[in-house]
Amino acid sequence: MARLEVCNVSFSFGDTRILNDVSISIPDGDFHALLGSSGSGKTTLLRIIAGFLKPDSGTILINGKDVTNVLPEHRDIGIVFQQYALFPHLTIWENIAFGLKMRKLHKLEITEKVAKALELVRLESFAQKLPSELSGGQKQRAAVARALILEPSLLLLDEPLSALDRRIRGELREELARVHRQTATTALLVTHDQEEALVLASEIVVIENGVVRQSDKAENVYGSPADLWVAGFVGRTNQFRSVCKSKNGVIVVSIANEDFVVSGPLAVEGNEVVLVVRPEEIAISDFGIPVRVKEIRFMGATAQVILTLANGYELESLILAPVARKLAVGIATFIAIDSSKIQILAFN
């Protein structure tokens, strides 16, 4: 295991600043995700951590040792790429064993280690097959095994699931989580997939335009976003503008003329704020804020319901499918919102 520290790293390509004073820290054995859209700088940062690029300024520390100028092969890092990078002419067994052979380990030790690695990723029965005979998910599991067999201090995963279909991505997410629990290898996942980051990582670093917008526990990034940009990027939101006001000794905000008691550093009388409510926190009710059902989209166990307020403003509710089946497009109903689920954010 290893402790990774990225300290004030900046990087430019020509006149374009890609990373701007980025700092992150991953404790021993933790699984973090670097989450950002295309062009946010996340892959550049991964390449700097791996040693493929050198930062303009800042340092990379692994277990307290400065490796900023250390060659990639001397950093004790395992990397899993998006495109598997398996040797097509070698069997899965030979692919996984390749790094150990380069280290000139004894044949018996190689055999034992490869057997354990195959068992870890559940590919024992595919050992003598070529990569072309495996599915995309199986190839990616082989790539994970090849990286882990060298027992790296740090595992970097560069969007390893993005080339797979939705069902296989879900299955491999579970596999990666299981493998991490068994190995406790310090890991950093680079991804643009919010669901992937939320499911796999204990902490998420959200990056935009080369700047870290929030670095926090996964549940806090979703439940207590640092700003409106993070709130909108990580998950879906309903947003309402309001002004904090004092009422009966408490601070309240209003959604469609209904008051909600709120608290927090921004809950100050006179403050203009944005109220963020996740779709799953908007419940269909027999009383509350009057709405009209505009659209119902069934998604299996849940349904996305588009509702309109009296002023025409649209909002989204995510409810269980059996509840949605009792609704119909065009009917009038009510919604209820738990005030404790309202996130209060400042205007950007």
Protein backbone atom coordinates (compact mmCIF):
# COMPACT_ATOMS: atom_id res chain seq x y z
CA MET A 1 0.00 0.00 0.00
CA ALA A 2 1.01 3.61 -0.42
CA ARG A 3 0.09 7.14 0.48
CA LEU A 4 -0.19 9.41 -2.57
CA GLU A 5 0.19 13.17 -2.30
CA VAL A 6 -0.13 15.53 -5.24
CA CYS A 7 1.13 18.92 -4.10
CA ASN A 8 0.35 22.16 -5.99
CA VAL A 9 0.78 20.64 -9.44
CA SER A 10 0.41 22.89 -12.48
CA PHE A 11 0.87 21.94 -16.13
CA SER A 12 0.51 23.78 -19.42
CA PHE A 13 0.52 22.66 -23.02
CA GLY A 14 1.88 25.58 -24.98
CA ASP A 15 -0.08 28.62 -23.88
CA THR A 16 -2.98 26.53 -22.56
CA ARG A 17 -3.09 25.89 -18.82
CA ILE A 18 -4.29 22.30 -18.26
CA LEU A 19 -3.80 22.00 -14.48
CA ASN A 20 -3.75 24.89 -12.05
CA ASP A 21 -2.25 24.35 -8.59
CA VAL A 22 -3.88 20.93 -8.06
CA SER A 23 -3.45 19.16 -4.71
CA ILE A 24 -4.96 15.84 -3.67
CA SER A 25 -4.12 13.26 -1.02
CA ILE A 26 -4.97 9.54 -0.88
CA PRO A 27 -4.25 7.65 2.37
CA ASP A 28 -2.92 4.08 2.46
CA GLY A 29 -5.41 1.59 1.08
CA ASP A 30 -8.08 4.10 0.03
CA PHE A 31 -9.92 4.09 -3.29
CA HIS A 32 -10.40 7.60 -4.68
CA ALA A 33 -11.95 8.80 -7.94
CA LEU A 34 -10.84 11.75 -10.03
CA LEU A 35 -14.10 12.86 -11.65
CA GLY A 36 -14.39 15.37 -14.46
CA SER A 37 -15.73 15.95 -17.93
CA SER A 38 -13.69 15.65 -21.13
CA GLY A 39 -10.92 18.23 -21.13
CA SER A 40 -11.04 18.83 -17.38
CA GLY A 41 -7.41 17.78 -16.89
CA LYS A 42 -8.02 14.48 -15.10
CA THR A 43 -6.11 12.27 -17.56
CA THR A 44 -3.23 14.74 -17.66
CA LEU A 45 -2.99 14.53 -13.87
CA LEU A 46 -3.00 10.73 -14.01
CA ARG A 47 -0.16 10.79 -16.56
CA ILE A 48 1.82 13.11 -14.28
CA ILE A 49 1.27 10.79 -11.30
CA ALA A 50 2.36 7.83 -13.44
CA GLY A 51 5.49 9.67 -14.61
CA PHE A 52 4.60 9.95 -18.29
CA LEU A 53 4.49 13.76 -18.02
CA LYS A 54 6.48 16.16 -15.88
CA PRO A 55 4.61 19.02 -14.18
CA ASP A 56 5.63 22.64 -14.72
CA SER A 57 5.55 23.03 -10.95
CA GLY A 58 4.56 21.02 -7.89
CA THR A 59 5.55 17.61 -6.57
CA ILE A 60 4.32 14.00 -6.52
CA LEU A 61 4.96 12.12 -3.29
CA ILE A 62 4.50 8.38 -2.76
CA ASN A 63 4.88 7.32 0.86
CA GLY A 64 6.50 10.68 1.52
CA LYS A 65 9.16 10.22 -1.19
CA ASP A 66 9.38 12.80 -3.96
CA VAL A 67 9.02 10.88 -7.25
CA THR A 68 8.38 13.90 -9.48
CA ASN A 69 11.54 13.20 -11.49
CA VAL A 70 11.53 9.40 -11.10
CA LEU A 71 10.96 7.28 -14.23
CA PRO A 72 7.57 5.52 -14.50
CA GLU A 73 9.06 2.05 -14.19
CA HIS A 74 10.66 2.99 -10.86
CA ARG A 75 7.52 4.39 -9.19
CA ASP A 76 5.99 1.03 -8.18
CA ILE A 77 2.72 1.88 -9.91
CA GLY A 78 0.27 -0.42 -11.69
CA ILE A 79 -1.86 1.02 -14.49
CA VAL A 80 -5.06 -0.28 -16.06
CA PHE A 81 -5.89 1.45 -19.34
CA GLN A 82 -9.22 1.89 -21.10
CA GLN A 83 -8.19 -0.28 -24.05
CA TYR A 84 -6.86 -3.30 -22.08
CA ALA A 85 -3.41 -3.23 -23.79
CA LEU A 86 -3.12 -7.04 -23.73
CA PHE A 87 -0.64 -8.77 -26.02
CA PRO A 88 -2.88 -10.37 -28.68
CA HIS A 89 -0.49 -13.26 -29.45
CA LEU A 90 -0.12 -14.32 -25.79
CA THR A 91 -2.59 -16.34 -23.75
CA ILE A 92 -4.25 -14.74 -20.74
CA TRP A 93 -1.89 -16.72 -18.50
CA GLU A 94 1.12 -15.41 -20.43
CA ASN A 95 -0.20 -11.85 -20.41
CA ILE A 96 -0.61 -11.87 -16.64
CA ALA A 97 2.78 -13.54 -16.13
CA PHE A 98 4.64 -11.14 -18.45
CA GLY A 99 5.74 -8.64 -15.79
CA LEU A 100 6.93 -11.38 -13.44
CA LYS A 101 9.01 -12.92 -16.24
CA MET A 102 10.60 -9.53 -16.89
CA ARG A 103 11.58 -9.51 -13.22
CA LYS A 104 13.11 -12.96 -13.74
CA LEU A 105 11.20 -14.66 -10.94
CA HIS A 106 11.49 -18.43 -10.54
CA LYS A 107 9.05 -20.41 -12.70
CA LEU A 108 7.36 -22.00 -9.69
CA GLU A 109 6.80 -18.61 -8.05
CA ILE A 110 5.39 -17.23 -11.30
CA THR A 111 3.00 -20.17 -11.58
CA GLU A 112 1.76 -19.70 -8.03
CA LYS A 113 1.29 -15.95 -8.39
CA VAL A 114 -0.52 -16.21 -11.73
CA ALA A 115 -2.86 -18.85 -10.30
CA LYS A 116 -3.76 -16.52 -7.42
CA ALA A 117 -4.23 -13.57 -9.77
CA LEU A 118 -6.52 -15.58 -12.06
CA GLU A 119 -8.54 -16.67 -9.04
CA LEU A 120 -8.75 -13.09 -7.78
CA VAL A 121 -10.40 -11.90 -11.03
CA ARG A 122 -12.29 -15.16 -11.62
CA LEU A 123 -10.59 -16.08 -14.88
CA GLU A 124 -9.20 -19.50 -13.96
CA SER A 125 -11.00 -21.24 -16.82
CA PHE A 126 -9.75 -18.70 -19.38
CA ALA A 127 -6.03 -19.01 -18.65
CA GLN A 128 -5.12 -20.65 -21.98
CA LYS A 129 -7.35 -18.51 -24.17
CA LEU A 130 -6.16 -15.61 -26.33
CA PRO A 131 -7.51 -12.09 -25.68
CA SER A 132 -9.55 -12.30 -28.89
CA GLU A 133 -11.54 -15.15 -27.34
CA LEU A 134 -12.63 -13.09 -24.33
CA SER A 135 -15.38 -10.53 -23.86
CA GLY A 136 -14.55 -6.91 -23.13
CA GLY A 137 -15.25 -7.35 -19.44
CA GLN A 138 -13.05 -10.45 -19.25
CA LYS A 139 -10.21 -8.64 -21.01
CA GLN A 140 -10.42 -5.79 -18.53
CA ARG A 141 -10.33 -8.23 -15.61
CA ALA A 142 -7.19 -9.75 -17.15
CA ALA A 143 -5.69 -6.26 -17.38
CA VAL A 144 -6.46 -5.69 -13.69
CA ALA A 145 -4.83 -9.00 -12.78
CA ARG A 146 -1.73 -8.14 -14.83
CA ALA A 147 -1.39 -4.83 -12.97
CA LEU A 148 -2.00 -6.28 -9.50
CA ILE A 149 0.25 -9.31 -9.85
CA LEU A 150 3.28 -7.02 -9.55
CA GLU A 151 1.93 -5.94 -6.14
CA PRO A 152 2.21 -2.20 -6.86
CA SER A 153 2.00 0.35 -4.09
CA LEU A 154 -0.45 2.38 -6.14
CA LEU A 155 -2.99 1.34 -8.78
CA LEU A 156 -4.10 3.87 -11.41
CA LEU A 157 -7.24 3.14 -13.43
CA ASP A 158 -7.67 5.26 -16.55
CA GLU A 159 -11.41 5.10 -17.43
CA PRO A 160 -11.22 1.27 -17.46
CA LEU A 161 -14.96 0.72 -17.94
CA SER A 162 -15.87 3.36 -20.52
CA ALA A 163 -15.52 1.03 -23.53
CA LEU A 164 -17.94 -1.53 -22.09
CA ASP A 165 -21.71 -1.72 -22.42
CA ARG A 166 -23.89 -0.73 -19.46
CA ARG A 167 -24.56 -4.25 -18.14
CA ILE A 168 -20.90 -5.27 -18.29
CA ARG A 169 -19.84 -1.98 -16.69
CA GLY A 170 -22.11 -2.73 -13.74
CA GLU A 171 -20.70 -6.23 -13.33
CA LEU A 172 -17.09 -5.06 -13.56
CA ARG A 173 -17.72 -2.26 -11.07
CA GLU A 174 -18.70 -4.92 -8.56
CA GLU A 175 -15.58 -6.93 -9.45
CA LEU A 176 -13.29 -3.91 -8.97
CA ALA A 177 -14.89 -3.18 -5.59
CA ARG A 178 -14.44 -6.80 -4.50
CA VAL A 179 -10.82 -6.92 -5.69
CA HIS A 180 -10.03 -3.70 -3.83
CA ARG A 181 -11.56 -5.08 -0.63
CA GLN A 182 -9.37 -8.18 -0.93
CA THR A 183 -6.10 -6.44 -1.85
CA ALA A 184 -6.46 -3.05 -0.08
CA THR A 185 -4.24 -1.53 -2.77
CA THR A 186 -4.27 2.26 -2.81
CA ALA A 187 -6.16 3.18 -5.99
CA LEU A 188 -7.05 6.22 -8.07
CA LEU A 189 -9.79 5.91 -10.68
CA VAL A 190 -10.02 8.50 -13.44
CA THR A 191 -13.53 8.72 -14.86
CA HIS A 192 -16.20 10.98 -16.32
CA ASP A 193 -18.94 8.62 -15.11
CA GLN A 194 -20.56 9.97 -11.94
CA GLU A 195 -22.27 6.70 -11.05
CA GLU A 196 -18.99 4.83 -11.40
CA ALA A 197 -17.23 7.28 -9.07
CA LEU A 198 -20.03 7.23 -6.48
CA VAL A 199 -20.22 3.42 -6.42
CA LEU A 200 -16.49 2.66 -6.29
CA ALA A 201 -14.75 5.49 -4.49
CA SER A 202 -14.68 6.34 -0.81
CA GLU A 203 -13.67 9.88 -1.76
CA ILE A 204 -14.15 11.86 -4.97
CA VAL A 205 -12.04 14.68 -6.37
CA VAL A 206 -14.15 16.77 -8.75
CA ILE A 207 -12.04 18.65 -11.29
CA GLU A 208 -13.06 21.26 -13.87
CA ASN A 209 -10.78 23.22 -16.21
CA GLY A 210 -7.72 22.05 -14.30
CA VAL A 211 -9.02 23.21 -10.91
CA VAL A 212 -10.25 21.03 -8.04
CA ARG A 213 -13.81 22.13 -7.27
CA GLN A 214 -14.38 19.71 -4.39
CA SER A 215 -12.50 16.85 -2.73
CA ASP A 216 -14.59 14.99 -0.20
CA LYS A 217 -16.26 11.75 0.78
CA ALA A 218 -18.47 10.43 -2.01
CA GLU A 219 -21.67 10.95 -0.02
CA ASN A 220 -20.71 14.57 0.73
CA VAL A 221 -19.94 15.41 -2.90
CA TYR A 222 -23.47 14.26 -3.74
CA GLY A 223 -25.29 15.37 -0.59
CA SER A 224 -23.36 18.56 0.22
CA PRO A 225 -21.84 19.89 -3.03
CA ALA A 226 -19.37 22.73 -2.65
CA ASP A 227 -21.09 24.91 -5.25
CA LEU A 228 -23.73 24.97 -7.97
CA TRP A 229 -21.37 23.62 -10.61
CA VAL A 230 -20.60 20.50 -8.55
CA ALA A 231 -24.29 20.08 -7.70
CA GLY A 232 -25.21 20.14 -11.37
CA PHE A 233 -22.35 17.93 -12.52
CA VAL A 234 -22.71 15.18 -9.92
CA GLY A 235 -26.23 13.83 -10.25
CA ARG A 236 -29.45 15.54 -11.32
CA THR A 237 -30.92 18.52 -9.55
CA ASN A 238 -33.95 20.77 -9.26
CA GLN A 239 -32.91 24.35 -8.59
CA PHE A 240 -34.97 27.20 -7.19
CA ARG A 241 -34.01 30.78 -6.41
CA SER A 242 -35.09 32.19 -3.09
CA VAL A 243 -34.32 34.83 -0.49
CA CYS A 244 -33.70 33.88 3.13
CA LYS A 245 -36.10 35.54 5.51
CA SER A 246 -36.75 35.50 9.23
CA LYS A 247 -40.05 34.06 10.39
CA ASN A 248 -41.03 33.28 13.98
CA GLY A 249 -37.41 33.29 15.06
CA VAL A 250 -36.12 30.93 12.33
CA ILE A 251 -34.77 31.35 8.81
CA VAL A 252 -37.01 30.16 6.00
CA VAL A 253 -36.83 29.95 2.22
CA SER A 254 -39.70 29.55 -0.23
CA ILE A 255 -40.47 27.12 -3.03
CA ALA A 256 -43.72 27.89 -4.89
CA ASN A 257 -44.91 30.07 -1.98
CA GLU A 258 -44.37 27.31 0.60
CA ASP A 259 -41.88 28.08 3.38
CA PHE A 260 -39.17 25.69 4.54
CA VAL A 261 -37.04 26.11 7.64
CA VAL A 262 -33.34 25.96 6.80
CA SER A 263 -30.00 26.31 8.53
CA GLY A 264 -26.33 26.64 7.66
CA PRO A 265 -23.77 29.39 6.94
CA LEU A 266 -25.80 30.78 4.00
CA ALA A 267 -29.10 30.80 5.92
CA VAL A 268 -28.88 34.49 6.79
CA GLU A 269 -31.75 36.92 6.50
CA GLY A 270 -31.63 38.77 3.19
CA ASN A 271 -29.28 36.30 1.45
CA GLU A 272 -30.22 35.44 -2.15
CA VAL A 273 -29.59 31.73 -2.56
CA VAL A 274 -30.18 28.79 -4.86
CA LEU A 275 -32.07 25.85 -3.39
CA VAL A 276 -30.99 22.46 -4.74
CA VAL A 277 -33.31 19.48 -4.34
CA ARG A 278 -32.43 16.06 -5.76
CA PRO A 279 -35.24 14.34 -7.74
CA GLU A 280 -35.43 11.46 -5.26
CA GLU A 281 -36.22 13.96 -2.47
CA ILE A 282 -39.41 15.13 -4.18
CA ALA A 283 -42.27 12.87 -3.10
CA ILE A 284 -45.75 12.62 -4.57
CA SER A 285 -48.17 13.48 -1.77
CA ASP A 286 -51.81 14.13 -0.89
CA PHE A 287 -50.94 17.65 0.19
CA GLY A 288 -48.18 20.22 -0.19
CA ILE A 289 -47.13 22.12 -3.31
CA PRO A 290 -49.65 21.77 -6.17
CA VAL A 291 -48.19 20.42 -9.45
CA ARG A 292 -49.39 18.86 -12.69
CA VAL A 293 -47.90 15.72 -14.23
CA LYS A 294 -46.33 16.53 -17.61
CA GLU A 295 -44.48 13.30 -18.41
CA ILE A 296 -43.75 9.87 -16.92
CA ARG A 297 -40.65 7.93 -17.97
CA PHE A 298 -40.41 4.40 -16.61
CA MET A 299 -36.87 3.17 -15.99
CA GLY A 300 -37.46 -0.27 -14.50
CA ALA A 301 -37.76 -0.17 -10.73
CA THR A 302 -38.03 3.62 -10.73
CA ALA A 303 -39.71 6.27 -12.83
CA GLN A 304 -38.75 9.81 -13.71
CA VAL A 305 -41.77 12.11 -13.42
CA ILE A 306 -41.67 15.58 -14.95
CA LEU A 307 -43.94 17.98 -13.07
CA THR A 308 -44.94 21.60 -13.61
CA LEU A 309 -45.64 24.21 -10.96
CA ALA A 310 -48.43 26.76 -11.29
CA ASN A 311 -45.98 29.28 -12.80
CA GLY A 312 -44.95 26.77 -15.49
CA TYR A 313 -41.58 25.88 -13.92
CA GLU A 314 -40.64 22.26 -14.55
CA LEU A 315 -39.11 19.96 -11.98
CA GLU A 316 -38.19 16.31 -11.80
CA SER A 317 -39.16 13.64 -9.29
CA LEU A 318 -37.64 10.17 -9.09
CA ILE A 319 -40.08 7.72 -7.53
CA LEU A 320 -40.73 3.99 -7.37
CA ALA A 321 -42.43 2.58 -10.47
CA PRO A 322 -45.51 1.25 -8.56
CA VAL A 323 -46.18 4.79 -7.29
CA ALA A 324 -45.75 6.23 -10.79
CA ARG A 325 -48.27 3.76 -12.21
CA LYS A 326 -50.95 5.42 -10.10
CA LEU A 327 -50.30 8.70 -11.90
CA ALA A 328 -51.30 9.83 -15.37
CA VAL A 329 -50.09 12.60 -17.66
CA GLY A 330 -52.15 15.74 -17.17
CA ILE A 331 -53.50 15.07 -13.68
CA ALA A 332 -53.10 17.51 -10.79
CA THR A 333 -51.40 16.31 -7.62
CA PHE A 334 -49.10 17.56 -4.86
CA ILE A 335 -45.44 17.17 -3.91
CA ALA A 336 -43.80 17.18 -0.49
CA ILE A 337 -40.20 18.15 0.21
CA ASP A 338 -38.32 17.44 3.44
CA SER A 339 -36.67 20.74 4.41
CA SER A 340 -33.61 18.86 5.73
CA LYS A 341 -32.95 17.63 2.17
CA ILE A 342 -32.80 21.12 0.68
CA GLN A 343 -29.23 22.14 -0.13
CA ILE A 344 -28.59 25.89 0.07
CA LEU A 345 -25.91 27.20 -2.29
CA ALA A 346 -24.67 30.60 -3.33
CA PHE A 347 -25.06 31.97 -6.85
CA ASN A 348 -21.98 31.14 -8.93
